[in-house]
Protein backbone atom coordinates (compact mmCIF):
# COMPACT_ATOMS: atom_id res chain seq x y z
CA MET A 1 122.62 69.28 93.63
CA SER A 2 121.53 72.63 94.90
CA ASP A 3 119.32 72.79 97.82
CA LYS A 4 115.66 73.83 97.06
CA ILE A 5 115.04 77.29 98.38
CA VAL A 6 111.61 78.31 99.06
CA ILE A 7 110.53 81.95 100.18
CA VAL A 8 107.20 82.82 101.63
CA GLY A 9 106.27 86.42 100.56
CA ALA A 10 107.05 88.41 97.58
CA GLY A 11 107.25 91.87 99.18
CA PRO A 12 110.25 93.81 99.45
CA ALA A 13 112.27 91.33 101.69
CA GLY A 14 111.21 88.27 99.69
CA SER A 15 111.61 89.71 96.48
CA SER A 16 115.11 90.94 97.51
CA THR A 17 116.07 87.58 98.55
CA ALA A 18 114.90 86.00 95.29
CA ILE A 19 116.58 88.69 92.98
CA GLU A 20 119.88 88.53 94.71
CA LEU A 21 119.91 84.84 94.57
CA ALA A 22 119.13 84.92 90.88
CA LYS A 23 122.07 87.03 90.32
CA HIS A 24 124.45 84.38 91.55
CA GLY A 25 122.52 81.60 89.34
CA ILE A 26 120.48 80.27 92.03
CA ARG A 27 117.10 79.26 91.68
CA SER A 28 114.34 79.74 94.32
CA THR A 29 110.45 79.51 94.74
CA VAL A 30 108.49 82.43 95.87
CA ILE A 31 105.04 81.96 97.17
CA ASP A 32 102.67 84.89 97.64
CA GLU A 33 98.85 85.47 98.35
CA ALA A 34 98.80 88.18 95.71
CA PRO A 35 98.63 87.88 91.91
CA THR A 36 101.72 90.10 91.56
CA GLN A 37 104.93 90.96 93.37
CA GLY A 38 105.94 93.75 95.50
CA GLY A 39 103.76 93.05 98.68
CA VAL A 40 101.48 95.70 99.83
CA ILE A 41 103.85 98.49 99.50
CA TYR A 42 105.10 97.94 96.00
CA ARG A 43 102.46 95.65 94.37
CA GLY A 44 101.25 98.71 92.35
CA PRO A 45 97.55 99.32 91.07
CA TRP A 46 95.41 96.29 90.27
CA ARG A 47 93.68 98.55 87.44
CA GLN A 48 94.83 101.43 85.53
CA THR A 49 93.09 104.91 85.54
CA ALA A 50 93.81 108.06 83.52
CA GLU A 51 95.65 109.63 86.40
CA MET A 52 97.19 108.16 89.63
CA PRO A 53 98.01 111.45 91.37
CA HIS A 54 98.58 109.87 94.84
CA LEU A 55 101.41 107.58 93.68
CA ASP A 56 104.62 109.61 93.62
CA GLU A 57 107.41 108.97 90.85
CA LYS A 58 109.81 107.27 93.57
CA LEU A 59 107.09 104.79 94.33
CA THR A 60 106.06 104.33 90.67
CA ALA A 61 109.66 103.85 89.86
CA THR A 62 110.32 101.20 92.24
CA ILE A 63 107.35 99.05 91.35
CA ALA A 64 108.53 99.05 87.77
CA SER A 65 111.94 98.08 88.77
CA ILE A 66 110.73 95.19 90.80
CA LYS A 67 108.69 93.79 87.99
CA GLN A 68 111.18 94.23 85.53
CA GLU A 69 113.82 92.39 87.72
CA TYR A 70 111.42 89.45 88.18
CA ARG A 71 111.10 89.35 84.46
CA THR A 72 114.79 89.31 84.01
CA TYR A 73 115.31 86.52 86.16
CA SER A 74 112.07 84.67 85.73
CA HIS A 75 114.11 81.71 84.54
CA LEU A 76 115.54 81.36 88.03
CA ILE A 77 112.54 82.55 90.06
CA ASP A 78 109.57 80.32 90.06
CA PHE A 79 106.75 82.61 91.49
CA GLU A 80 103.79 81.03 92.67
CA GLN A 81 101.03 83.70 93.05
CA GLN A 82 97.67 83.58 94.82
CA SER A 83 98.88 80.72 96.88
CA ARG A 84 98.44 80.61 100.73
CA VAL A 85 100.78 78.96 103.02
CA LEU A 86 98.51 77.16 105.61
CA GLY A 87 101.27 75.94 107.90
CA PRO A 88 104.03 73.41 108.13
CA LEU A 89 103.71 69.78 107.33
CA GLY A 90 106.61 67.87 109.12
CA MET A 91 109.97 69.48 109.12
CA ASN A 92 110.71 70.34 105.61
CA GLU A 93 107.24 70.74 103.88
CA LEU A 94 104.60 73.26 103.59
CA LEU A 95 100.75 73.00 103.03
CA VAL A 96 99.70 75.32 100.43
CA LEU A 97 96.24 76.45 99.22
CA LYS A 98 95.82 77.74 95.67
CA GLY A 99 92.31 78.44 94.79
CA ASP A 100 90.40 75.49 95.88
CA ARG A 101 93.27 73.10 95.39
CA LEU A 102 95.53 71.89 98.31
CA SER A 103 99.42 71.02 97.64
CA SER A 104 102.50 70.43 99.52
CA VAL A 105 105.90 72.13 98.75
CA GLU A 106 109.12 70.56 99.90
CA TYR A 107 112.06 72.78 100.78
CA ASP A 108 115.67 72.39 102.07
CA ARG A 109 116.14 75.94 102.90
CA LEU A 110 113.15 78.34 103.82
CA VAL A 111 112.85 81.95 104.08
CA LEU A 112 110.00 83.60 105.86
CA ALA A 113 109.11 87.04 104.60
CA THR A 114 105.50 86.98 105.59
CA GLY A 115 105.40 90.86 106.43
CA CYS A 116 103.29 92.43 109.03
CA GLN A 117 99.61 93.32 109.90
CA GLU A 118 98.03 96.48 111.28
CA ARG A 119 97.72 96.95 114.78
CA SER A 120 94.06 97.53 116.00
CA VAL A 121 93.33 99.77 119.01
CA PRO A 122 89.67 99.39 120.23
CA PHE A 123 87.41 102.44 120.75
CA PRO A 124 83.71 103.09 120.93
CA GLY A 125 82.57 102.97 117.28
CA TRP A 126 85.67 101.28 115.87
CA GLN A 127 83.38 98.61 114.20
CA LEU A 128 81.31 101.26 112.19
CA PRO A 129 81.42 101.22 108.29
CA GLY A 130 83.82 104.07 107.36
CA VAL A 131 86.17 103.21 110.31
CA MET A 132 89.39 101.91 108.46
CA LEU A 133 92.93 101.13 109.21
CA LEU A 134 95.43 103.34 107.20
CA GLY A 135 97.06 100.22 105.44
CA GLY A 136 93.33 99.36 104.03
CA ILE A 137 92.98 102.75 102.97
CA GLN A 138 96.33 102.61 101.11
CA LEU A 139 95.33 99.41 99.36
CA GLN A 140 92.12 100.94 98.27
CA ILE A 141 93.69 104.10 96.82
CA LYS A 142 96.87 102.19 95.28
CA SER A 143 94.67 99.62 93.69
CA GLY A 144 93.48 102.21 91.10
CA LEU A 145 92.14 105.28 92.88
CA VAL A 146 89.39 103.79 94.95
CA ARG A 147 88.59 106.51 97.33
CA PRO A 148 87.29 105.33 100.73
CA GLY A 149 85.03 108.46 101.30
CA ASN A 150 84.64 112.16 101.00
CA LYS A 151 85.36 113.87 104.38
CA VAL A 152 88.25 111.89 105.99
CA VAL A 153 89.85 112.31 109.52
CA VAL A 154 93.17 110.54 110.15
CA ALA A 155 94.26 109.79 113.70
CA GLY A 156 96.84 107.50 115.47
CA THR A 157 100.74 107.80 115.58
CA GLY A 158 103.52 107.31 113.25
CA PRO A 159 104.85 108.58 109.94
CA LEU A 160 102.02 106.82 108.13
CA LEU A 161 99.42 109.43 109.16
CA VAL A 162 101.05 112.24 107.15
CA LEU A 163 101.80 109.95 104.02
CA VAL A 164 98.22 108.64 103.87
CA ALA A 165 96.90 112.15 104.39
CA CYS A 166 98.83 113.32 101.50
CA GLN A 167 97.79 110.61 99.24
CA LEU A 168 94.05 111.06 100.29
CA SER A 169 94.20 114.61 99.41
CA ARG A 170 95.89 114.08 96.11
CA ALA A 171 93.21 111.38 95.46
CA GLY A 172 90.63 114.07 95.91
CA CYS A 173 89.20 113.46 99.33
CA ASP A 174 88.58 116.42 101.67
CA VAL A 175 90.89 115.75 104.67
CA ILE A 176 89.59 117.44 107.70
CA GLY A 177 92.69 117.04 109.95
CA VAL A 178 95.43 114.74 111.06
CA TYR A 179 95.56 113.92 114.79
CA GLU A 180 98.93 112.36 115.87
CA ALA A 181 98.78 111.04 119.61
CA ALA A 182 102.65 111.95 120.25
CA LYS A 183 103.33 115.43 121.22
CA PHE A 184 105.56 117.52 118.96
CA GLY A 185 108.26 117.89 121.63
CA GLU A 186 108.49 114.02 121.66
CA ILE A 187 109.04 113.79 117.88
CA ALA A 188 111.51 116.75 117.99
CA LYS A 189 113.56 114.84 120.62
CA GLU A 190 114.23 112.20 118.27
CA VAL A 191 115.49 114.20 115.47
CA ARG A 192 118.98 112.85 115.89
CA SER A 193 117.57 109.38 115.23
CA ILE A 194 115.55 110.60 112.30
CA LEU A 195 118.59 112.31 110.68
CA ASN A 196 120.04 108.81 110.14
CA ARG A 197 118.22 108.97 106.90
CA PRO A 198 118.28 112.66 105.87
CA GLN A 199 116.52 112.18 102.54
CA GLN A 200 113.41 110.42 104.26
CA ALA A 201 113.40 113.23 106.75
CA LEU A 202 113.42 115.97 103.79
CA GLN A 203 110.57 113.78 102.05
CA GLY A 204 108.64 114.01 105.41
CA LEU A 205 109.13 117.79 105.76
CA SER A 206 107.87 118.28 102.22
CA MET A 207 104.62 116.18 102.89
CA LEU A 208 104.05 118.45 106.10
CA TRP A 209 104.61 121.29 103.76
CA TYR A 210 102.11 119.90 101.27
CA LEU A 211 99.35 119.65 103.91
CA LYS A 212 99.99 123.37 105.01
CA LYS A 213 99.48 124.53 101.57
CA GLN A 214 96.30 122.50 101.30
CA ASN A 215 95.17 124.03 104.57
CA ILE A 216 95.09 120.39 106.14
CA PRO A 217 95.84 120.83 109.99
CA VAL A 218 98.10 118.46 111.82
CA HIS A 219 97.42 118.40 115.60
CA TYR A 220 100.05 116.94 117.74
CA GLY A 221 99.20 115.47 121.12
CA TRP A 222 95.65 114.91 119.95
CA GLY A 223 93.92 111.66 119.42
CA LEU A 224 90.58 109.61 119.32
CA VAL A 225 87.80 109.58 121.79
CA GLU A 226 84.97 107.79 119.89
CA ALA A 227 83.29 107.46 116.59
CA LYS A 228 79.38 107.63 116.12
CA GLY A 229 77.00 106.90 113.31
CA ASP A 230 73.73 105.05 112.74
CA SER A 231 74.53 102.44 110.09
CA GLN A 232 77.58 104.49 108.77
CA LEU A 233 80.31 106.55 110.43
CA GLN A 234 79.05 110.25 110.90
CA GLU A 235 80.87 111.89 113.74
CA VAL A 236 84.60 111.67 114.96
CA THR A 237 85.29 112.94 118.55
CA VAL A 238 88.96 113.72 119.16
CA ALA A 239 90.62 115.30 122.21
CA PRO A 240 94.18 116.50 123.45
CA TYR A 241 95.95 113.68 125.22
CA ASP A 242 97.83 113.99 128.46
CA GLU A 243 101.11 112.60 129.01
CA ASP A 244 99.81 108.89 129.27
CA TRP A 245 97.59 109.52 126.34
CA VAL A 246 94.34 109.68 128.09
CA PRO A 247 92.10 112.00 126.26
CA GLU A 248 91.16 115.41 128.12
CA LYS A 249 87.26 114.90 127.24
CA SER A 250 86.48 118.28 128.42
CA GLU A 251 88.19 119.89 125.54
CA ALA A 252 86.81 117.25 122.97
CA VAL A 253 85.85 118.34 119.51
CA THR A 254 83.41 116.47 117.35
CA LEU A 255 83.98 116.48 113.52
CA ARG A 256 81.57 115.67 110.91
CA ALA A 257 82.87 112.83 108.83
CA ASP A 258 82.19 109.81 106.51
CA THR A 259 85.69 108.11 106.97
CA LEU A 260 88.13 107.81 109.86
CA GLY A 261 91.63 106.59 109.10
CA VAL A 262 93.33 104.82 112.09
CA GLY A 263 96.94 103.95 112.46
CA TYR A 264 98.82 102.82 115.47
CA GLY A 265 101.45 100.96 113.70
CA PHE A 266 102.15 97.32 112.78
CA THR A 267 102.87 94.03 114.26
CA ALA A 268 104.86 91.18 112.77
CA ARG A 269 102.99 88.55 110.86
CA SER A 270 104.72 85.63 112.37
CA GLN A 271 102.04 83.02 112.78
CA LEU A 272 103.91 80.70 110.52
CA ALA A 273 107.11 81.00 112.32
CA GLN A 274 105.34 80.27 115.46
CA LEU A 275 103.78 77.16 114.15
CA MET A 276 107.29 76.00 113.16
CA ASP A 277 108.42 76.23 116.85
CA LEU A 278 110.87 78.91 116.19
CA GLU A 279 112.33 80.68 119.15
CA VAL A 280 110.26 84.02 119.53
CA ASP A 281 110.23 86.98 121.86
CA TYR A 282 107.48 89.50 122.33
CA ASP A 283 108.41 93.15 121.68
CA HIS A 284 105.96 95.98 122.63
CA MET A 285 106.31 97.61 119.11
CA SER A 286 106.65 94.65 116.72
CA GLY A 287 104.64 92.00 118.49
CA THR A 288 105.90 88.42 118.46
CA ILE A 289 108.97 88.06 116.47
CA PRO A 290 111.42 85.28 115.69
CA ARG A 291 114.82 85.49 116.98
CA VAL A 292 117.65 85.74 114.29
CA ASP A 293 121.35 85.80 114.33
CA SER A 294 123.41 88.40 112.16
CA TRP A 295 122.52 86.41 108.91
CA GLN A 296 118.80 86.55 109.70
CA ARG A 297 118.96 82.64 110.47
CA SER A 298 116.39 81.61 113.19
CA SER A 299 116.64 79.00 115.77
CA ARG A 300 116.27 76.49 113.22
CA GLU A 301 119.48 76.43 110.79
CA SER A 302 117.56 75.85 107.64
CA VAL A 303 114.99 78.78 108.14
CA PHE A 304 115.51 82.54 107.66
CA CYS A 305 113.39 85.34 108.82
CA ILE A 306 113.53 88.67 107.09
CA GLY A 307 111.64 91.92 106.84
CA ASP A 308 108.84 92.88 109.04
CA THR A 309 108.53 89.24 109.87
CA ALA A 310 111.44 89.49 112.32
CA ARG A 311 111.25 93.30 113.02
CA ILE A 312 109.03 96.30 111.91
CA ALA A 313 111.65 98.72 110.39
CA GLY A 314 110.21 99.45 106.93
CA ALA A 315 110.67 98.54 103.13
CA ASP A 316 114.19 99.72 102.82
CA ALA A 317 115.46 97.70 105.90
CA ALA A 318 113.52 94.71 104.76
CA VAL A 319 115.15 94.69 101.42
CA ILE A 320 118.63 94.65 103.02
CA GLU A 321 117.44 91.80 105.36
CA GLY A 322 116.65 90.21 102.11
CA LYS A 323 120.21 90.53 100.68
CA ILE A 324 121.66 89.29 103.82
CA ALA A 325 119.68 86.19 103.83
CA ALA A 326 120.52 85.67 100.10
CA LEU A 327 124.23 86.16 101.09
CA ALA A 328 124.12 83.51 103.60
CA LEU A 329 122.28 81.08 101.21
CA THR A 330 124.70 81.89 98.37
CA SER A 331 127.67 81.17 100.57
CA GLU A 332 126.19 77.77 101.59
CA GLN A 333 125.57 76.99 97.91
CA GLY A 334 129.19 77.56 97.14
CA ALA A 335 128.48 80.25 94.71
CA LEU A 336 130.24 82.87 96.87
CA GLU A 337 133.23 82.46 98.99
CA HIS A 338 132.43 82.85 102.57
CA SER A 339 135.01 85.53 103.39
CA VAL A 340 133.58 87.71 100.53
CA ALA A 341 130.01 87.31 101.91
CA GLU A 342 131.33 88.45 105.37
CA THR A 343 132.62 91.48 103.83
CA GLU A 344 129.52 92.22 102.12
CA LEU A 345 127.63 91.55 105.31
CA ASP A 346 129.50 93.99 107.23
CA GLN A 347 128.57 96.73 104.68
CA LEU A 348 125.05 95.81 104.76
CA ARG A 349 124.76 95.59 108.58
CA ARG A 350 126.19 99.15 108.90
CA LYS A 351 123.64 100.50 106.58
CA LEU A 352 120.79 98.47 108.24
CA SER A 353 122.00 99.88 111.65
CA ARG A 354 121.27 103.40 110.45
CA PHE A 355 117.88 102.21 109.28
CA TYR A 356 117.12 100.69 112.50
CA ARG A 357 118.13 103.99 114.43
CA PHE A 358 115.96 105.89 112.20
CA ARG A 359 112.90 103.65 112.87
CA TYR A 360 113.75 103.69 116.50
CA GLY A 361 113.22 107.58 116.69
CA PHE A 362 109.58 107.16 115.43
CA ASP A 363 108.85 104.21 117.63
CA SER A 364 110.11 106.06 120.65
CA ALA A 365 108.09 109.05 119.98
CA GLY A 366 104.93 107.04 119.11
CA TYR A 367 105.54 104.30 121.97
CA ARG A 368 101.91 103.29 122.72
CA LYS A 369 100.93 104.78 126.23
CA PRO A 370 98.36 103.13 128.65
CA GLY A 371 95.99 105.78 128.19
CA LEU A 372 94.87 104.16 125.12
CA LEU A 373 93.47 101.46 127.22
CA THR A 374 90.89 103.71 128.63
CA LEU A 375 89.16 104.56 125.30
CA PRO A 376 86.85 101.46 125.21
CA ASN A 377 83.76 101.52 127.21
CA ASN A 378 82.71 98.54 129.12
CA ASP A 379 80.48 97.31 126.28
CA THR A 380 82.96 98.08 123.56
CA VAL A 381 83.74 94.76 121.87
CA ILE A 382 87.35 94.02 121.81
CA CYS A 383 87.35 90.51 120.33
CA ARG A 384 85.16 90.88 117.09
CA CYS A 385 85.37 87.11 116.34
CA GLU A 386 83.90 85.88 119.68
CA GLN A 387 82.27 89.27 120.64
CA VAL A 388 84.06 89.55 124.04
CA THR A 389 83.64 92.96 125.53
CA LYS A 390 85.77 94.90 127.60
CA GLN A 391 83.68 94.24 130.74
CA LYS A 392 84.33 90.57 130.38
CA ILE A 393 88.12 90.80 129.92
CA GLU A 394 88.04 93.20 133.02
CA GLY A 395 85.86 90.53 135.16
CA ALA A 396 88.48 87.73 134.24
CA ILE A 397 91.45 89.79 135.33
CA GLU A 398 89.76 90.59 138.67
CA GLN A 399 89.06 86.87 139.01
CA GLY A 400 92.71 85.95 138.70
CA CYS A 401 93.76 85.74 135.03
CA ARG A 402 97.31 86.77 134.94
CA ASP A 403 98.33 85.60 131.33
CA MET A 404 97.08 85.29 127.82
CA VAL A 405 96.56 81.55 128.10
CA THR A 406 94.12 81.79 131.15
CA LEU A 407 92.50 84.99 129.63
CA LYS A 408 91.78 83.16 126.47
CA MET A 409 90.30 80.02 128.49
CA ARG A 410 88.13 82.21 130.56
CA THR A 411 86.86 84.64 128.03
CA ARG A 412 87.52 83.07 124.36
CA VAL A 413 89.53 86.03 123.15
CA THR A 414 91.86 84.97 120.31
CA MET A 415 89.84 81.86 119.67
CA GLY A 416 88.06 83.19 116.57
CA ASP A 417 88.98 83.00 112.92
CA CYS A 418 91.35 85.62 112.87
CA GLN A 419 93.30 83.84 115.82
CA GLY A 420 93.98 86.89 117.57
CA LYS A 421 95.41 89.31 114.94
CA THR A 422 92.77 91.83 116.13
CA CYS A 423 92.41 91.60 119.83
CA SER A 424 95.44 90.16 121.22
CA HIS A 425 97.47 93.11 121.46
CA TYR A 426 95.02 94.85 123.39
CA CYS A 427 95.09 91.95 125.94
CA TYR A 428 98.82 91.93 126.08
CA ASP A 429 98.92 95.76 126.68
CA ARG A 430 96.12 95.41 129.33
CA LEU A 431 98.05 92.52 131.29
CA LYS A 432 101.31 94.53 131.20
CA GLN A 433 99.42 97.52 132.66
CA GLU A 434 98.34 95.12 135.76
CA GLY A 435 102.20 94.14 136.27
CA PHE A 436 101.78 90.63 134.75
CA GLU A 437 104.19 91.05 131.71
CA PRO A 438 106.82 88.34 133.11
CA GLU A 439 104.17 85.92 133.76
CA GLN A 440 102.55 86.35 130.32
CA LYS A 441 102.44 83.11 127.93
CA LEU A 442 102.22 83.83 124.38
CA ILE A 443 99.12 82.40 122.63
CA ARG A 444 99.89 79.90 119.79
CA PRO A 445 98.43 80.13 116.28
CA ARG A 446 96.43 77.19 115.15
CA PHE A 447 96.85 74.90 112.03
CA PRO A 448 95.85 75.58 109.58
CA LEU A 449 96.45 79.39 109.32
CA ASP A 450 93.55 79.93 107.07
CA GLN A 451 90.08 78.33 106.55
CA ILE A 452 90.17 75.50 103.83
CA PRO A 453 87.24 75.47 101.47
CA PHE A 454 85.22 72.33 101.25
CA ALA A 455 86.09 72.23 97.49
CA ALA A 456 89.42 71.45 98.25
CA PHE A 457 88.48 68.18 99.95
CA GLY A 458 86.76 67.00 96.67
CA GLU A 459 88.12 64.57 93.95
CA GLU A 460 91.73 65.07 92.78
CA GLN A 461 91.83 67.40 90.02
């Protein structure tokens, strides 16, 4: 009898694993929060409009391809949509919430493809309505051409800034400007890494050319200072950054805008892996990530971690990691000779290494500098859930807090409903700035990972 394989996440990584397993005749169960497959990137619009000018042909084709493959192998892929995994129950069982109904799912082999979440960088006014993270903006316009606003400023670092600016412009927004914190010279130094994927490099150049034709300026070495407004965003102040990304406020410029798109990268959504006591490391760019071997196997033999769960490297890299995990599982189930799997693994790893080098170029150019920690004022809220200000965090550090656990106990940061998804990275960076990185203890997520509605504790349905 074949092992029961459960995959958490139907994004590029999880879908890749399920489809590859199905091609070898192996059944799997895929659990995802959304009503359709593809993850945030390839989920596609939730409603149709007459025109979708912000979705390029390649993206549309990939969305259609994923949905078609799920249909083709529907007899071997059990897709449990709109279902949230709340955490582990013992060694080989998961607690799942679907609607207002709780259930448990057993597994013999588990693949974690839980994706990533956006990194928040606090600054004065970051809680104003109209200030949005870039991923949130993408979700809005991808869902069916929902424009987030009219006059938009895009700021932060990384290739997503240019992509979202193009999508916003094509969706009919007035994009005032793109403000990239990294200097152009820092990005240019990484051209060798970026050329590991020449087609993607050309696509990036074509997007920059599009912005130029639309008279949308891209300012390198510039970034946020603050956002202002009464009950809604009205002004965004930007300034040139020095080598450490400290804003030169004497040269600041204030722009009138109703929407600010902010992007400082992503961190692994690895809370489930941490609750399962998998061995993890803290990475400055990817956050807390599980340790995996060349087959994407974690410290627990029956659990694999793939995609942005294990390393932030983009959708294409996630697809390959999903195939690698599927190879390991296919070999385990006896559907593929191990020697054949080894040969295929070597080919996939070589391709994956190019993708990693490509990503490394952007990560090196956009490596967060300590100047970002100077953006919040003393009264700026860092932890939204518990309303902990920068001043309170600074006071705790002055009083001797040297790691995240003691900082949490002293100030209540990370103790709210989001369990530190928003505030923890600022705190890690601040402690690192003090030289306490070797002493840091990682905060541990709590069970359950999401709130359980009271209705779930009613009579059995």
